[in-house]
Structures are given as structure tokens and as C-alpha cells.
C-alpha atoms as a PDB file:
ATOM      1  CA  MET A   1       5.236   9.545  -5.755  1.00  0.00           C
ATOM      2  CA  ASN A   2       7.179  12.755  -6.239  1.00  0.00           C
ATOM      3  CA  GLN A   3      10.390  12.713  -8.288  1.00  0.00           C
ATOM      4  CA  ILE A   4      12.759  13.367  -5.365  1.00  0.00           C
ATOM      5  CA  LEU A   5      11.332  10.496  -3.310  1.00  0.00           C
ATOM      6  CA  TYR A   6      11.386   8.245  -6.359  1.00  0.00           C
ATOM      7  CA  SER A   7      15.045   9.116  -7.074  1.00  0.00           C
ATOM      8  CA  LEU A   8      16.003   8.439  -3.463  1.00  0.00           C
ATOM      9  CA  LEU A   9      14.221   5.100  -3.536  1.00  0.00           C
ATOM     10  CA  VAL A  10      15.993   4.093  -6.750  1.00  0.00           C
ATOM     11  CA  CYS A  11      19.336   5.064  -5.197  1.00  0.00           C
ATOM     12  CA  LEU A  12      18.578   2.987  -2.107  1.00  0.00           C
ATOM     13  CA  LEU A  13      17.491  -0.007  -4.137  1.00  0.00           C
ATOM     14  CA  LEU A  14      20.468   0.072  -6.460  1.00  0.00           C
ATOM     15  CA  SER A  15      22.971   1.142  -3.768  1.00  0.00           C
ATOM     16  CA  GLY A  16      24.587   3.370  -6.345  1.00  0.00           C
ATOM     17  CA  CYS A  17      23.918   6.744  -4.789  1.00  0.00           C
ATOM     18  CA  ALA A  18      26.705   8.099  -2.574  1.00  0.00           C
ATOM     19  CA  ALA A  19      24.380  10.383  -0.591  1.00  0.00           C
ATOM     20  CA  ALA A  20      21.957   7.572   0.098  1.00  0.00           C
ATOM     21  CA  SER A  21      24.667   5.178   1.245  1.00  0.00           C
ATOM     22  CA  LYS A  22      25.319   7.346   4.324  1.00  0.00           C
ATOM     23  CA  THR A  23      21.730   7.008   5.553  1.00  0.00           C
ATOM     24  CA  ARG A  24      20.789   3.689   3.960  1.00  0.00           C
ATOM     25  CA  GLN A  25      18.944   1.202   6.144  1.00  0.00           C
ATOM     26  CA  ASN A  26      18.352  -2.414   5.224  1.00  0.00           C
ATOM     27  CA  MET A  27      15.238  -2.955   3.162  1.00  0.00           C
ATOM     28  CA  THR A  28      13.763  -6.058   1.610  1.00  0.00           C
ATOM     29  CA  VAL A  29      11.818  -5.720  -1.628  1.00  0.00           C
ATOM     30  CA  HIS A  30       8.934  -8.047  -2.509  1.00  0.00           C
ATOM     31  CA  ALA A  31       7.011  -8.131  -5.767  1.00  0.00           C
ATOM     32  CA  LEU A  32       3.753  -9.826  -6.617  1.00  0.00           C
ATOM     33  CA  ARG A  33       1.142  -9.873  -9.324  1.00  0.00           C
ATOM     34  CA  LEU A  34      -2.543 -10.319  -8.659  1.00  0.00           C
ATOM     35  CA  HIS A  35      -4.854 -11.868 -11.240  1.00  0.00           C
ATOM     36  CA  PRO A  36      -8.426 -11.223 -12.422  1.00  0.00           C
ATOM     37  CA  GLY A  37     -11.017 -11.793  -9.727  1.00  0.00           C
ATOM     38  CA  GLN A  38      -8.676 -11.500  -6.737  1.00  0.00           C
ATOM     39  CA  ASP A  39      -9.478  -9.018  -3.956  1.00  0.00           C
ATOM     40  CA  LEU A  40      -6.719  -6.377  -3.690  1.00  0.00           C
ATOM     41  CA  LYS A  41      -6.873  -5.722   0.076  1.00  0.00           C
ATOM     42  CA  ARG A  42      -7.491  -9.320   1.064  1.00  0.00           C
ATOM     43  CA  GLU A  43      -4.515 -10.498  -1.010  1.00  0.00           C
ATOM     44  CA  LEU A  44      -2.196  -7.775   0.338  1.00  0.00           C
ATOM     45  CA  ASP A  45      -3.106  -8.640   3.933  1.00  0.00           C
ATOM     46  CA  ALA A  46      -2.637 -12.369   3.225  1.00  0.00           C
ATOM     47  CA  PHE A  47       0.740 -11.700   1.576  1.00  0.00           C
ATOM     48  CA  ALA A  48       1.909  -9.610   4.549  1.00  0.00           C
ATOM     49  CA  LYS A  49       0.878 -12.379   6.933  1.00  0.00           C
ATOM     50  CA  ALA A  50       2.459 -15.171   4.848  1.00  0.00           C
ATOM     51  CA  GLN A  51       5.739 -13.235   4.526  1.00  0.00           C
ATOM     52  CA  HIS A  52       5.695 -12.235   8.230  1.00  0.00           C
ATOM     53  CA  LEU A  53       6.122  -8.566   7.305  1.00  0.00           C
ATOM     54  CA  GLN A  54       6.900  -6.483  10.380  1.00  0.00           C
ATOM     55  CA  ALA A  55       7.205  -3.038   8.742  1.00  0.00           C
ATOM     56  CA  GLY A  56       5.857  -3.221   5.215  1.00  0.00           C
ATOM     57  CA  PHE A  57       4.955  -0.377   2.885  1.00  0.00           C
ATOM     58  CA  ILE A  58       3.702  -0.071  -0.673  1.00  0.00           C
ATOM     59  CA  VAL A  59       6.395   1.112  -3.083  1.00  0.00           C
ATOM     60  CA  THR A  60       4.259   1.060  -6.228  1.00  0.00           C
ATOM     61  CA  CYS A  61       1.185  -0.532  -7.748  1.00  0.00           C
ATOM     62  CA  VAL A  62      -0.300  -0.438 -11.236  1.00  0.00           C
ATOM     63  CA  GLY A  63      -3.281  -2.345 -12.525  1.00  0.00           C
ATOM     64  CA  SER A  64      -7.029  -2.217 -12.884  1.00  0.00           C
ATOM     65  CA  LEU A  65     -10.188  -3.008 -10.949  1.00  0.00           C
ATOM     66  CA  ARG A  66     -13.683  -4.037 -12.040  1.00  0.00           C
ATOM     67  CA  LYS A  67     -15.321  -3.597  -8.629  1.00  0.00           C
ATOM     68  CA  VAL A  68     -14.409  -0.879  -6.145  1.00  0.00           C
ATOM     69  CA  ALA A  69     -14.977  -0.500  -2.404  1.00  0.00           C
ATOM     70  CA  LEU A  70     -13.375   2.445  -0.647  1.00  0.00           C
ATOM     71  CA  ARG A  71     -14.153   4.879   2.122  1.00  0.00           C
ATOM     72  CA  PRO A  72     -13.720   8.533   1.138  1.00  0.00           C
ATOM     73  CA  ALA A  73     -12.439  11.051   3.668  1.00  0.00           C
ATOM     74  CA  ASN A  74     -14.610  11.618   6.722  1.00  0.00           C
ATOM     75  CA  LEU A  75     -17.446   9.317   5.587  1.00  0.00           C
ATOM     76  CA  GLN A  76     -18.693   6.210   7.377  1.00  0.00           C
ATOM     77  CA  GLU A  77     -20.450   4.582   4.422  1.00  0.00           C
ATOM     78  CA  PRO A  78     -18.300   2.918   1.753  1.00  0.00           C
ATOM     79  CA  LEU A  79     -18.283   4.085  -1.852  1.00  0.00           C
ATOM     80  CA  LEU A  80     -19.113   1.045  -4.017  1.00  0.00           C
ATOM     81  CA  ARG A  81     -18.718   0.994  -7.798  1.00  0.00           C
ATOM     82  CA  ASP A  82     -19.232  -1.846 -10.258  1.00  0.00           C
ATOM     83  CA  GLN A  83     -17.204  -0.393 -13.135  1.00  0.00           C
ATOM     84  CA  LYS A  84     -13.672  -0.519 -14.496  1.00  0.00           C
ATOM     85  CA  PHE A  85     -10.951   1.736 -13.065  1.00  0.00           C
ATOM     86  CA  GLU A  86      -7.209   2.099 -13.507  1.00  0.00           C
ATOM     87  CA  ILE A  87      -5.156   2.057 -10.306  1.00  0.00           C
ATOM     88  CA  VAL A  88      -3.175   5.305 -10.441  1.00  0.00           C
ATOM     89  CA  SER A  89      -1.823   5.149  -6.896  1.00  0.00           C
ATOM     90  CA  LEU A  90      -1.748   2.832  -3.902  1.00  0.00           C
ATOM     91  CA  VAL A  91       0.034   3.876  -0.715  1.00  0.00           C
ATOM     92  CA  GLY A  92       0.138   2.654   2.853  1.00  0.00           C
ATOM     93  CA  THR A  93       1.621   0.433   5.509  1.00  0.00           C
ATOM     94  CA  LEU A  94       1.398  -3.282   6.278  1.00  0.00           C
ATOM     95  CA  SER A  95       1.936  -4.683   9.766  1.00  0.00           C
ATOM     96  CA  PRO A  96       1.220  -7.846  11.760  1.00  0.00           C
ATOM     97  CA  ASP A  97      -1.772  -5.973  13.229  1.00  0.00           C
ATOM     98  CA  GLY A  98      -3.258  -5.068   9.844  1.00  0.00           C
ATOM     99  CA  SER A  99      -2.862  -2.642   7.000  1.00  0.00           C
ATOM    100  CA  HIS A 100      -3.710   0.992   6.352  1.00  0.00           C
ATOM    101  CA  LEU A 101      -3.980   1.596   2.613  1.00  0.00           C
ATOM    102  CA  HIS A 102      -5.267   4.452   0.449  1.00  0.00           C
ATOM    103  CA  ILE A 103      -5.985   4.156  -3.265  1.00  0.00           C
ATOM    104  CA  SER A 104      -6.555   6.553  -6.170  1.00  0.00           C
ATOM    105  CA  LEU A 105      -8.435   5.352  -9.232  1.00  0.00           C
ATOM    106  CA  SER A 106      -9.303   6.864 -12.607  1.00  0.00           C
ATOM    107  CA  ASP A 107     -12.257   5.976 -14.815  1.00  0.00           C
ATOM    108  CA  SER A 108     -12.509   5.928 -18.608  1.00  0.00           C
ATOM    109  CA  THR A 109     -12.847   9.725 -18.702  1.00  0.00           C
ATOM    110  CA  GLY A 110      -9.836  10.305 -16.464  1.00  0.00           C
ATOM    111  CA  ALA A 111     -11.959  11.373 -13.493  1.00  0.00           C
ATOM    112  CA  THR A 112     -10.274  10.312 -10.266  1.00  0.00           C
ATOM    113  CA  ILE A 113     -11.680   9.012  -6.993  1.00  0.00           C
ATOM    114  CA  GLY A 114      -9.838   7.851  -3.931  1.00  0.00           C
ATOM    115  CA  GLY A 115      -9.996   6.887  -0.313  1.00  0.00           C
ATOM    116  CA  HIS A 116      -9.314   4.213   2.267  1.00  0.00           C
ATOM    117  CA  LEU A 117      -8.986   0.764   0.633  1.00  0.00           C
ATOM    118  CA  LEU A 118     -11.594  -1.731   1.847  1.00  0.00           C
ATOM    119  CA  GLU A 119     -12.167  -5.368   0.990  1.00  0.00           C
ATOM    120  CA  GLY A 120     -14.227  -5.714  -2.186  1.00  0.00           C
ATOM    121  CA  ASN A 121     -11.779  -4.300  -4.759  1.00  0.00           C
ATOM    122  CA  GLU A 122     -11.763  -6.932  -7.480  1.00  0.00           C
ATOM    123  CA  ILE A 123      -8.878  -7.085  -9.957  1.00  0.00           C
ATOM    124  CA  TYR A 124      -9.938  -6.612 -13.593  1.00  0.00           C
ATOM    125  CA  THR A 125      -6.782  -7.505 -15.577  1.00  0.00           C
ATOM    126  CA  THR A 126      -3.824  -7.303 -13.194  1.00  0.00           C
ATOM    127  CA  ALA A 127      -2.257  -5.608 -10.203  1.00  0.00           C
ATOM    128  CA  GLU A 128       1.541  -5.413 -10.233  1.00  0.00           C
ATOM    129  CA  ILE A 129       2.719  -4.528  -6.752  1.00  0.00           C
ATOM    130  CA  VAL A 130       6.113  -3.820  -5.195  1.00  0.00           C
ATOM    131  CA  ILE A 131       6.288  -3.911  -1.392  1.00  0.00           C
ATOM    132  CA  GLY A 132       9.203  -2.768   0.739  1.00  0.00           C
ATOM    133  CA  GLU A 133       9.993  -3.803   4.287  1.00  0.00           C
ATOM    134  CA  ALA A 134      12.121  -1.746   6.656  1.00  0.00           C
ATOM    135  CA  GLU A 135      14.181  -4.440   8.358  1.00  0.00           C
ATOM    136  CA  HIS A 136      15.149  -2.225  11.305  1.00  0.00           C
ATOM    137  CA  LEU A 137      11.568  -1.247  12.232  1.00  0.00           C
ATOM    138  CA  GLN A 138       8.458  -2.918  13.559  1.00  0.00           C
ATOM    139  CA  PHE A 139       4.990  -1.511  12.880  1.00  0.00           C
ATOM    140  CA  HIS A 140       2.029  -2.064  15.191  1.00  0.00           C
ATOM    141  CA  ARG A 141      -1.509  -0.719  15.327  1.00  0.00           C
ATOM    142  CA  GLU A 142      -2.826   0.435  18.658  1.00  0.00           C
ATOM    143  CA  ILE A 143      -5.931   2.353  19.684  1.00  0.00           C
ATOM    144  CA  ASP A 144      -5.073   6.043  19.874  1.00  0.00           C
ATOM    145  CA  PRO A 145      -6.923   7.751  22.758  1.00  0.00           C
ATOM    146  CA  VAL A 146      -7.368  10.957  20.740  1.00  0.00           C
ATOM    147  CA  THR A 147      -8.545   9.558  17.397  1.00  0.00           C
ATOM    148  CA  THR A 148     -10.071   6.347  18.859  1.00  0.00           C
ATOM    149  CA  PHE A 149      -8.765   4.471  15.796  1.00  0.00           C
ATOM    150  CA  LYS A 150      -6.069   1.815  15.556  1.00  0.00           C
ATOM    151  CA  GLU A 151      -3.107   4.009  14.569  1.00  0.00           C
ATOM    152  CA  LEU A 152       0.443   3.165  13.566  1.00  0.00           C
ATOM    153  CA  THR A 153       3.115   2.875  16.233  1.00  0.00           C
ATOM    154  CA  ILE A 154       6.734   2.486  15.168  1.00  0.00           C
ATOM    155  CA  LYS A 155       9.456   0.744  17.130  1.00  0.00           C
ATOM    156  CA  LYS A 156      13.010  -0.307  16.426  1.00  0.00           C
ATOM    157  CA  ARG A 157      13.211  -4.032  15.761  1.00  0.00           C
ATOM    158  CA  GLU A 158      15.142  -6.079  18.314  1.00  0.00           C
END
């Protein structure tokens, strides 16, 4: 997350930034910790469902994995690894219709891989996750006629 976005987020969360108070929308913040052996995507989707998140997004995530399943850009076959990685970034949206999450991981040499998060990412030691929810929005996933994928649609919440 770049420094400007991070600073804005901190201002919004703490309500101490005069510039942010003019454009501030209501946001709920959730935090959770996953434990060894849990599946990162499965647990995030279950959390979103249990909390009835309508417009969720990942604020931050740190932790480690011992099994990895992701889909790199423009590939159909998943990339599967049975080795330890640090989670260096997790971004995406959570909605009642499902999630769209991308992850970046680094190995013991610092080499980084990333892609679309799939089920099969097993926590090694921990995953500490902060999730935001925009209370004035509602996210949905609908088939886009151009991409043919379920893409995000955004509506104002009633």
C-alpha cells in the first residue's frame, strides 16, 4: 500500500485528519487472526458470510503460508507450491457473491510470486488480517458480457 493511501486510511480510521473528515464515509473495521493449518481463502469467505459483509475489502494482512495455490496472470492452471512463504501483500474485495483476492508472497531468498488467491493456501504460523467494510456501498459480482467473468458491480446501499 503506498504511503499516501496508508496515511489517508489512518486519518479515516482515527478521525483526526481535517481533510479526511470532509469526505469521510462510514466504515467498519474487522480484525481476525488465522491459525496454522487453516485455509486463507476459505476462512476469509466464511468470515465475510458470517459477518454479512456487503462491501468488504482487505486493509492489510501479514503472516505465512506452508502450502500455496494461486493463479498467475493470464494462466488457467494454478501454481501450486508446498513450501514456506511470507505473505507480503493481500488485496481485494469481499461480497455476498464471493471474493476477488490477489496475493504476493516471498520465499526464503526474497523472490516474490503472486496472483489470484485460490483455495489451498494453508497457514504456516499465522495470518493477521484487517478487513474494512464500506457501510454506504454494496458489492455484487455479475457476469460481464465483455470479459465473461463475474466482475464487481458497486451500488449505493439502501
